Amino acid sequence: MPNDLRTRITDALKEAMKAKDAARLGTLRLINAAIKDQDIALRVDGKSVGDPEILAILGKMVKQRQESARAYEEGGRLELAERELTEVKVIEDFLPAQLSEAASQAAVDDAIKEVGAESIRDMGRVMGILKGKYTGQMDFGSVGPMVKARLG
């Protein structure tokens, strides 16, 4: 199985077409569109989207859909919330496994040691290390306060 994310997504798109899986196909097309948008944006600089950028795009898509599902549930639109959560499951097929709470804390500790961080002013460097190593594997919204607590 190819480990290039773009290839994996394209292959999954072809399989969904053959299987006539409309829900999965729609989500995979949205993923492809988001990647192509990013490709176009980076083309100006002569760059293209690699796996780290694709992981960031997928992470952002998951977060958006979880927020939408929450809003739909609060509004009593359960069928729309269910559709958003179904899309999340398809997107998560391409993301690496999420780190556990303990593994996230260990990664934060390692990054702090690696940078030699001593105060809250070093938080940006610590977060940079974490984003470089763990994109798609941890929720940086919850890791930020963890780093702040360790450095504060």
N, C-alpha and C. Protein backbone atom coordinates (compact mmCIF):
# COMPACT_ATOMS: atom_id res chain seq x y z
N MET A 1 0.85 -1.19 0.00
CA MET A 1 0.00 0.00 0.00
C MET A 1 0.89 1.25 0.00
N PRO A 2 0.65 2.16 -0.92
CA PRO A 2 1.49 3.35 -0.98
C PRO A 2 1.32 4.20 0.27
N ASN A 3 2.42 4.81 0.71
CA ASN A 3 2.31 5.62 1.92
C ASN A 3 2.17 7.11 1.59
N ASP A 4 2.19 7.46 0.30
CA ASP A 4 1.96 8.83 -0.08
C ASP A 4 0.47 9.13 0.10
N LEU A 5 0.16 10.12 0.91
CA LEU A 5 -1.25 10.41 1.23
C LEU A 5 -2.07 10.74 0.00
N ARG A 6 -1.51 11.54 -0.89
CA ARG A 6 -2.25 11.94 -2.09
C ARG A 6 -2.65 10.69 -2.90
N THR A 7 -1.73 9.73 -3.01
CA THR A 7 -1.99 8.50 -3.74
C THR A 7 -3.05 7.67 -3.03
N ARG A 8 -2.94 7.58 -1.71
CA ARG A 8 -3.94 6.83 -0.94
C ARG A 8 -5.34 7.42 -1.10
N ILE A 9 -5.43 8.74 -1.10
CA ILE A 9 -6.73 9.41 -1.24
C ILE A 9 -7.30 9.15 -2.64
N THR A 10 -6.46 9.26 -3.66
CA THR A 10 -6.90 9.01 -5.03
C THR A 10 -7.37 7.57 -5.21
N ASP A 11 -6.62 6.63 -4.64
CA ASP A 11 -7.02 5.22 -4.72
C ASP A 11 -8.35 4.99 -4.01
N ALA A 12 -8.53 5.61 -2.86
CA ALA A 12 -9.79 5.46 -2.11
C ALA A 12 -10.95 6.06 -2.90
N LEU A 13 -10.69 7.16 -3.61
CA LEU A 13 -11.71 7.80 -4.44
C LEU A 13 -12.15 6.85 -5.55
N LYS A 14 -11.19 6.20 -6.19
CA LYS A 14 -11.51 5.24 -7.26
C LYS A 14 -12.31 4.07 -6.71
N GLU A 15 -11.91 3.56 -5.53
CA GLU A 15 -12.64 2.44 -4.91
C GLU A 15 -14.08 2.84 -4.56
N ALA A 16 -14.25 4.06 -4.05
CA ALA A 16 -15.59 4.52 -3.70
C ALA A 16 -16.46 4.65 -4.95
N MET A 17 -15.86 5.07 -6.06
CA MET A 17 -16.61 5.16 -7.33
C MET A 17 -17.07 3.78 -7.77
N LYS A 18 -16.15 2.82 -7.72
CA LYS A 18 -16.48 1.46 -8.13
C LYS A 18 -17.56 0.85 -7.24
N ALA A 19 -17.48 1.14 -5.93
CA ALA A 19 -18.43 0.59 -4.98
C ALA A 19 -19.74 1.37 -4.95
N LYS A 20 -19.78 2.49 -5.67
CA LYS A 20 -20.96 3.38 -5.68
C LYS A 20 -21.35 3.82 -4.26
N ASP A 21 -20.31 4.12 -3.46
CA ASP A 21 -20.50 4.60 -2.08
C ASP A 21 -20.56 6.12 -2.12
N ALA A 22 -21.77 6.66 -2.26
CA ALA A 22 -21.95 8.09 -2.48
C ALA A 22 -21.44 8.95 -1.33
N ALA A 23 -21.69 8.52 -0.10
CA ALA A 23 -21.27 9.33 1.05
C ALA A 23 -19.74 9.42 1.12
N ARG A 24 -19.08 8.29 0.99
CA ARG A 24 -17.62 8.26 1.03
C ARG A 24 -17.03 9.02 -0.15
N LEU A 25 -17.61 8.85 -1.32
CA LEU A 25 -17.15 9.51 -2.53
C LEU A 25 -17.23 11.04 -2.38
N GLY A 26 -18.33 11.52 -1.84
CA GLY A 26 -18.49 12.96 -1.63
C GLY A 26 -17.43 13.53 -0.71
N THR A 27 -17.16 12.83 0.37
CA THR A 27 -16.15 13.29 1.33
C THR A 27 -14.76 13.27 0.69
N LEU A 28 -14.45 12.22 -0.05
CA LEU A 28 -13.14 12.12 -0.70
C LEU A 28 -12.97 13.23 -1.74
N ARG A 29 -14.05 13.58 -2.42
CA ARG A 29 -13.97 14.69 -3.38
C ARG A 29 -13.72 16.01 -2.66
N LEU A 30 -14.33 16.19 -1.49
CA LEU A 30 -14.07 17.40 -0.70
C LEU A 30 -12.61 17.47 -0.27
N ILE A 31 -12.06 16.33 0.12
CA ILE A 31 -10.64 16.28 0.51
C ILE A 31 -9.77 16.67 -0.68
N ASN A 32 -10.04 16.07 -1.84
CA ASN A 32 -9.26 16.39 -3.04
C ASN A 32 -9.36 17.87 -3.39
N ALA A 33 -10.56 18.44 -3.27
CA ALA A 33 -10.74 19.86 -3.58
C ALA A 33 -9.92 20.74 -2.64
N ALA A 34 -9.91 20.39 -1.36
CA ALA A 34 -9.14 21.17 -0.38
C ALA A 34 -7.65 21.09 -0.69
N ILE A 35 -7.18 19.91 -1.09
CA ILE A 35 -5.77 19.74 -1.42
C ILE A 35 -5.43 20.55 -2.68
N LYS A 36 -6.31 20.50 -3.67
CA LYS A 36 -6.06 21.26 -4.91
C LYS A 36 -6.08 22.76 -4.65
N ASP A 37 -6.97 23.22 -3.77
CA ASP A 37 -6.98 24.64 -3.40
C ASP A 37 -5.63 25.05 -2.82
N GLN A 38 -5.11 24.21 -1.94
CA GLN A 38 -3.81 24.49 -1.32
C GLN A 38 -2.70 24.44 -2.36
N ASP A 39 -2.79 23.49 -3.30
CA ASP A 39 -1.81 23.41 -4.39
C ASP A 39 -1.78 24.71 -5.18
N ILE A 40 -2.96 25.22 -5.50
CA ILE A 40 -3.06 26.46 -6.28
C ILE A 40 -2.48 27.63 -5.49
N ALA A 41 -2.77 27.68 -4.21
CA ALA A 41 -2.25 28.76 -3.37
C ALA A 41 -0.72 28.71 -3.29
N LEU A 42 -0.15 27.52 -3.24
CA LEU A 42 1.30 27.38 -3.11
C LEU A 42 2.02 27.47 -4.45
N ARG A 43 1.29 27.31 -5.54
CA ARG A 43 1.90 27.33 -6.87
C ARG A 43 2.61 28.66 -7.13
N VAL A 44 2.08 29.74 -6.58
CA VAL A 44 2.68 31.06 -6.74
C VAL A 44 4.13 31.06 -6.25
N ASP A 45 4.38 30.34 -5.16
CA ASP A 45 5.73 30.26 -4.60
C ASP A 45 6.55 29.13 -5.21
N GLY A 46 5.97 28.41 -6.17
CA GLY A 46 6.68 27.31 -6.79
C GLY A 46 6.74 26.07 -5.92
N LYS A 47 5.85 25.95 -4.96
CA LYS A 47 5.83 24.80 -4.06
C LYS A 47 4.61 23.94 -4.37
N SER A 48 4.59 22.74 -3.81
CA SER A 48 3.40 21.90 -3.90
C SER A 48 3.10 21.32 -2.53
N VAL A 49 1.92 20.78 -2.40
CA VAL A 49 1.46 20.25 -1.12
C VAL A 49 2.05 18.86 -0.89
N GLY A 50 2.71 18.69 0.26
CA GLY A 50 3.26 17.39 0.64
C GLY A 50 2.42 16.77 1.74
N ASP A 51 2.87 15.63 2.24
CA ASP A 51 2.13 14.92 3.28
C ASP A 51 1.89 15.76 4.53
N PRO A 52 2.87 16.54 5.03
CA PRO A 52 2.59 17.33 6.23
C PRO A 52 1.46 18.34 6.03
N GLU A 53 1.43 18.96 4.85
CA GLU A 53 0.36 19.92 4.57
C GLU A 53 -0.99 19.22 4.43
N ILE A 54 -0.97 18.03 3.80
CA ILE A 54 -2.21 17.27 3.66
C ILE A 54 -2.74 16.86 5.03
N LEU A 55 -1.84 16.45 5.93
CA LEU A 55 -2.26 16.10 7.29
C LEU A 55 -2.88 17.30 7.99
N ALA A 56 -2.31 18.48 7.78
CA ALA A 56 -2.86 19.70 8.38
C ALA A 56 -4.24 20.00 7.82
N ILE A 57 -4.40 19.83 6.50
CA ILE A 57 -5.70 20.05 5.86
C ILE A 57 -6.73 19.08 6.43
N LEU A 58 -6.36 17.81 6.53
CA LEU A 58 -7.29 16.80 7.04
C LEU A 58 -7.66 17.08 8.50
N GLY A 59 -6.67 17.48 9.30
CA GLY A 59 -6.95 17.81 10.70
C GLY A 59 -7.93 18.96 10.81
N LYS A 60 -7.75 19.96 9.96
CA LYS A 60 -8.64 21.12 9.96
C LYS A 60 -10.05 20.71 9.54
N MET A 61 -10.14 19.83 8.54
CA MET A 61 -11.45 19.37 8.08
C MET A 61 -12.18 18.60 9.17
N VAL A 62 -11.46 17.77 9.91
CA VAL A 62 -12.06 17.01 11.01
C VAL A 62 -12.60 17.97 12.06
N LYS A 63 -11.79 18.95 12.43
CA LYS A 63 -12.18 19.90 13.45
C LYS A 63 -13.44 20.68 13.03
N GLN A 64 -13.48 21.12 11.77
CA GLN A 64 -14.64 21.85 11.25
C GLN A 64 -15.90 21.00 11.33
N ARG A 65 -15.79 19.74 10.95
CA ARG A 65 -16.96 18.87 10.95
C ARG A 65 -17.43 18.52 12.36
N GLN A 66 -16.49 18.39 13.28
CA GLN A 66 -16.88 18.13 14.67
C GLN A 66 -17.63 19.32 15.25
N GLU A 67 -17.15 20.53 14.93
CA GLU A 67 -17.83 21.74 15.41
C GLU A 67 -19.22 21.86 14.78
N SER A 68 -19.32 21.56 13.48
CA SER A 68 -20.62 21.61 12.80
C SER A 68 -21.59 20.59 13.40
N ALA A 69 -21.09 19.38 13.66
CA ALA A 69 -21.94 18.33 14.23
C ALA A 69 -22.47 18.77 15.60
N ARG A 70 -21.59 19.37 16.39
CA ARG A 70 -21.99 19.86 17.71
C ARG A 70 -23.09 20.92 17.57
N ALA A 71 -22.91 21.83 16.62
CA ALA A 71 -23.91 22.89 16.41
C ALA A 71 -25.24 22.30 15.93
N TYR A 72 -25.17 21.31 15.03
CA TYR A 72 -26.40 20.67 14.55
C TYR A 72 -27.12 19.94 15.68
N GLU A 73 -26.35 19.26 16.54
CA GLU A 73 -26.96 18.55 17.66
C GLU A 73 -27.67 19.52 18.59
N GLU A 74 -27.01 20.64 18.86
CA GLU A 74 -27.63 21.65 19.74
C GLU A 74 -28.89 22.24 19.12
N GLY A 75 -28.92 22.28 17.78
CA GLY A 75 -30.08 22.81 17.08
C GLY A 75 -31.14 21.77 16.78
N GLY A 76 -30.91 20.54 17.23
CA GLY A 76 -31.90 19.49 17.03
C GLY A 76 -31.89 18.91 15.62
N ARG A 77 -30.84 19.15 14.84
CA ARG A 77 -30.75 18.63 13.47
C ARG A 77 -29.85 17.40 13.47
N LEU A 78 -30.34 16.33 14.06
CA LEU A 78 -29.54 15.13 14.26
C LEU A 78 -29.10 14.46 12.96
N GLU A 79 -29.94 14.52 11.91
CA GLU A 79 -29.55 13.89 10.64
C GLU A 79 -28.36 14.61 10.02
N LEU A 80 -28.29 15.92 10.16
CA LEU A 80 -27.14 16.67 9.64
C LEU A 80 -25.90 16.42 10.50
N ALA A 81 -26.09 16.30 11.80
CA ALA A 81 -24.97 16.00 12.69
C ALA A 81 -24.39 14.64 12.35
N GLU A 82 -25.26 13.67 12.09
CA GLU A 82 -24.81 12.32 11.74
C GLU A 82 -24.00 12.32 10.45
N ARG A 83 -24.44 13.13 9.47
CA ARG A 83 -23.72 13.21 8.20
C ARG A 83 -22.32 13.79 8.41
N GLU A 84 -22.22 14.82 9.25
CA GLU A 84 -20.91 15.42 9.54
C GLU A 84 -19.99 14.40 10.21
N LEU A 85 -20.53 13.63 11.15
CA LEU A 85 -19.71 12.64 11.86
C LEU A 85 -19.30 11.49 10.95
N THR A 86 -20.14 11.18 9.96
CA THR A 86 -19.78 10.17 8.96
C THR A 86 -18.60 10.66 8.13
N GLU A 87 -18.62 11.94 7.77
CA GLU A 87 -17.50 12.53 7.03
C GLU A 87 -16.22 12.50 7.87
N VAL A 88 -16.36 12.75 9.17
CA VAL A 88 -15.19 12.72 10.06
C VAL A 88 -14.53 11.34 10.01
N LYS A 89 -15.35 10.29 10.04
CA LYS A 89 -14.81 8.93 10.02
C LYS A 89 -14.03 8.66 8.73
N VAL A 90 -14.55 9.15 7.60
CA VAL A 90 -13.86 8.96 6.31
C VAL A 90 -12.52 9.70 6.33
N ILE A 91 -12.52 10.93 6.81
CA ILE A 91 -11.30 11.74 6.83
C ILE A 91 -10.27 11.11 7.77
N GLU A 92 -10.73 10.62 8.92
CA GLU A 92 -9.81 10.04 9.90
C GLU A 92 -9.12 8.77 9.39
N ASP A 93 -9.68 8.14 8.34
CA ASP A 93 -9.02 6.97 7.75
C ASP A 93 -7.62 7.32 7.23
N PHE A 94 -7.40 8.59 6.91
CA PHE A 94 -6.13 9.01 6.33
C PHE A 94 -5.21 9.68 7.34
N LEU A 95 -5.69 9.87 8.55
CA LEU A 95 -4.88 10.48 9.60
C LEU A 95 -4.19 9.40 10.42
N PRO A 96 -2.98 9.68 10.91
CA PRO A 96 -2.34 8.71 11.81
C PRO A 96 -3.14 8.62 13.11
N ALA A 97 -2.94 7.54 13.84
CA ALA A 97 -3.65 7.35 15.11
C ALA A 97 -3.34 8.51 16.06
N GLN A 98 -4.36 8.94 16.79
CA GLN A 98 -4.18 10.03 17.74
C GLN A 98 -3.39 9.54 18.96
N LEU A 99 -2.54 10.40 19.47
CA LEU A 99 -1.77 10.06 20.66
C LEU A 99 -2.68 10.07 21.88
N SER A 100 -2.40 9.19 22.82
CA SER A 100 -3.15 9.17 24.06
C SER A 100 -2.75 10.39 24.90
N GLU A 101 -3.49 10.63 25.96
CA GLU A 101 -3.19 11.75 26.85
C GLU A 101 -1.77 11.62 27.41
N ALA A 102 -1.42 10.41 27.85
CA ALA A 102 -0.08 10.19 28.43
C ALA A 102 1.01 10.39 27.37
N ALA A 103 0.77 9.90 26.16
CA ALA A 103 1.75 10.05 25.09
C ALA A 103 1.90 11.53 24.70
N SER A 104 0.80 12.26 24.72
CA SER A 104 0.86 13.70 24.41
C SER A 104 1.68 14.43 25.47
N GLN A 105 1.46 14.09 26.73
CA GLN A 105 2.23 14.73 27.81
C GLN A 105 3.71 14.40 27.69
N ALA A 106 4.03 13.16 27.33
CA ALA A 106 5.42 12.78 27.15
C ALA A 106 6.04 13.53 25.97
N ALA A 107 5.27 13.70 24.89
CA ALA A 107 5.76 14.43 23.72
C ALA A 107 6.02 15.90 24.08
N VAL A 108 5.13 16.49 24.88
CA VAL A 108 5.31 17.87 25.33
C VAL A 108 6.58 17.98 26.16
N ASP A 109 6.78 17.05 27.10
CA ASP A 109 7.98 17.06 27.94
C ASP A 109 9.25 16.94 27.09
N ASP A 110 9.22 16.04 26.10
CA ASP A 110 10.38 15.86 25.22
C ASP A 110 10.67 17.12 24.42
N ALA A 111 9.62 17.76 23.91
CA ALA A 111 9.81 18.98 23.12
C ALA A 111 10.37 20.10 23.98
N ILE A 112 9.91 20.20 25.23
CA ILE A 112 10.42 21.23 26.14
C ILE A 112 11.91 20.99 26.40
N LYS A 113 12.29 19.73 26.61
CA LYS A 113 13.70 19.41 26.84
C LYS A 113 14.53 19.70 25.58
N GLU A 114 13.99 19.33 24.43
CA GLU A 114 14.71 19.51 23.16
C GLU A 114 15.02 20.99 22.89
N VAL A 115 14.04 21.84 23.18
CA VAL A 115 14.20 23.27 22.94
C VAL A 115 14.98 23.93 24.08
N GLY A 116 14.94 23.31 25.26
CA GLY A 116 15.55 23.92 26.43
C GLY A 116 14.67 25.04 26.96
N ALA A 117 13.36 24.87 26.80
CA ALA A 117 12.39 25.91 27.19
C ALA A 117 12.36 26.07 28.70
N GLU A 118 12.34 27.33 29.12
CA GLU A 118 12.31 27.63 30.54
C GLU A 118 11.15 28.52 30.94
N SER A 119 10.60 29.27 29.99
CA SER A 119 9.50 30.18 30.33
C SER A 119 8.44 30.16 29.23
N ILE A 120 7.37 30.87 29.49
CA ILE A 120 6.25 30.93 28.55
C ILE A 120 6.69 31.55 27.22
N ARG A 121 7.77 32.32 27.23
CA ARG A 121 8.28 32.93 26.00
C ARG A 121 8.78 31.89 25.00
N ASP A 122 9.09 30.70 25.49
CA ASP A 122 9.58 29.62 24.63
C ASP A 122 8.45 28.76 24.06
N MET A 123 7.21 29.12 24.36
CA MET A 123 6.07 28.30 23.96
C MET A 123 6.00 28.13 22.44
N GLY A 124 6.27 29.17 21.68
CA GLY A 124 6.21 29.09 20.22
C GLY A 124 7.18 28.07 19.66
N ARG A 125 8.38 28.04 20.21
CA ARG A 125 9.37 27.07 19.73
C ARG A 125 8.95 25.65 20.08
N VAL A 126 8.40 25.46 21.27
CA VAL A 126 7.93 24.13 21.69
C VAL A 126 6.79 23.67 20.78
N MET A 127 5.84 24.56 20.53
CA MET A 127 4.71 24.21 19.66
C MET A 127 5.19 23.92 18.23
N GLY A 128 6.21 24.64 17.78
CA GLY A 128 6.77 24.39 16.46
C GLY A 128 7.34 22.98 16.34
N ILE A 129 8.06 22.56 17.38
CA ILE A 129 8.62 21.20 17.40
C ILE A 129 7.48 20.18 17.37
N LEU A 130 6.47 20.40 18.21
CA LEU A 130 5.35 19.45 18.28
C LEU A 130 4.61 19.37 16.95
N LYS A 131 4.36 20.52 16.32
CA LYS A 131 3.65 20.52 15.04
C LYS A 131 4.47 19.84 13.96
N GLY A 132 5.78 19.98 14.03
CA GLY A 132 6.64 19.33 13.06
C GLY A 132 6.63 17.82 13.18
N LYS A 133 6.58 17.33 14.40
CA LYS A 133 6.66 15.88 14.63
C LYS A 133 5.30 15.18 14.70
N TYR A 134 4.28 15.89 15.17
CA TYR A 134 3.02 15.21 15.51
C TYR A 134 1.80 15.77 14.78
N THR A 135 1.98 16.41 13.62
CA THR A 135 0.84 16.91 12.87
C THR A 135 -0.11 15.77 12.55
N GLY A 136 -1.37 15.97 12.87
CA GLY A 136 -2.38 14.95 12.63
C GLY A 136 -2.50 13.91 13.72
N GLN A 137 -1.55 13.93 14.68
CA GLN A 137 -1.59 12.93 15.74
C GLN A 137 -2.05 13.50 17.06
N MET A 138 -2.10 14.82 17.18
CA MET A 138 -2.57 15.41 18.43
C MET A 138 -3.38 16.66 18.14
N ASP A 139 -4.27 16.97 19.06
CA ASP A 139 -5.10 18.16 18.96
C ASP A 139 -4.34 19.31 19.60
N PHE A 140 -3.85 20.22 18.77
CA PHE A 140 -3.02 21.31 19.28
C PHE A 140 -3.81 22.31 20.11
N GLY A 141 -5.14 22.29 19.97
CA GLY A 141 -5.98 23.14 20.81
C GLY A 141 -5.91 22.73 22.27
N SER A 142 -5.76 21.43 22.52
CA SER A 142 -5.65 20.96 23.90
C SER A 142 -4.20 20.87 24.35
N VAL A 143 -3.28 20.77 23.40
CA VAL A 143 -1.86 20.67 23.75
C VAL A 143 -1.31 22.04 24.16
N GLY A 144 -1.83 23.11 23.54
CA GLY A 144 -1.36 24.47 23.87
C GLY A 144 -1.45 24.77 25.36
N PRO A 145 -2.64 24.57 25.96
CA PRO A 145 -2.75 24.81 27.41
C PRO A 145 -1.84 23.89 28.23
N MET A 146 -1.60 22.67 27.73
CA MET A 146 -0.71 21.73 28.42
C MET A 146 0.72 22.29 28.43
N VAL A 147 1.16 22.82 27.29
CA VAL A 147 2.51 23.41 27.20
C VAL A 147 2.59 24.64 28.11
N LYS A 148 1.55 25.46 28.06
CA LYS A 148 1.51 26.68 28.87
C LYS A 148 1.61 26.34 30.36
N ALA A 149 0.90 25.29 30.79
CA ALA A 149 0.92 24.88 32.20
C ALA A 149 2.32 24.40 32.61
N ARG A 150 2.99 23.67 31.70
CA ARG A 150 4.32 23.17 32.00
C ARG A 150 5.35 24.32 32.11
N LEU A 151 5.17 25.33 31.26
CA LEU A 151 6.14 26.42 31.22
C LEU A 151 5.80 27.56 32.19
N GLY A 152 4.56 27.61 32.62
CA GLY A 152 4.09 28.74 33.44
C GLY A 152 4.49 28.71 34.85
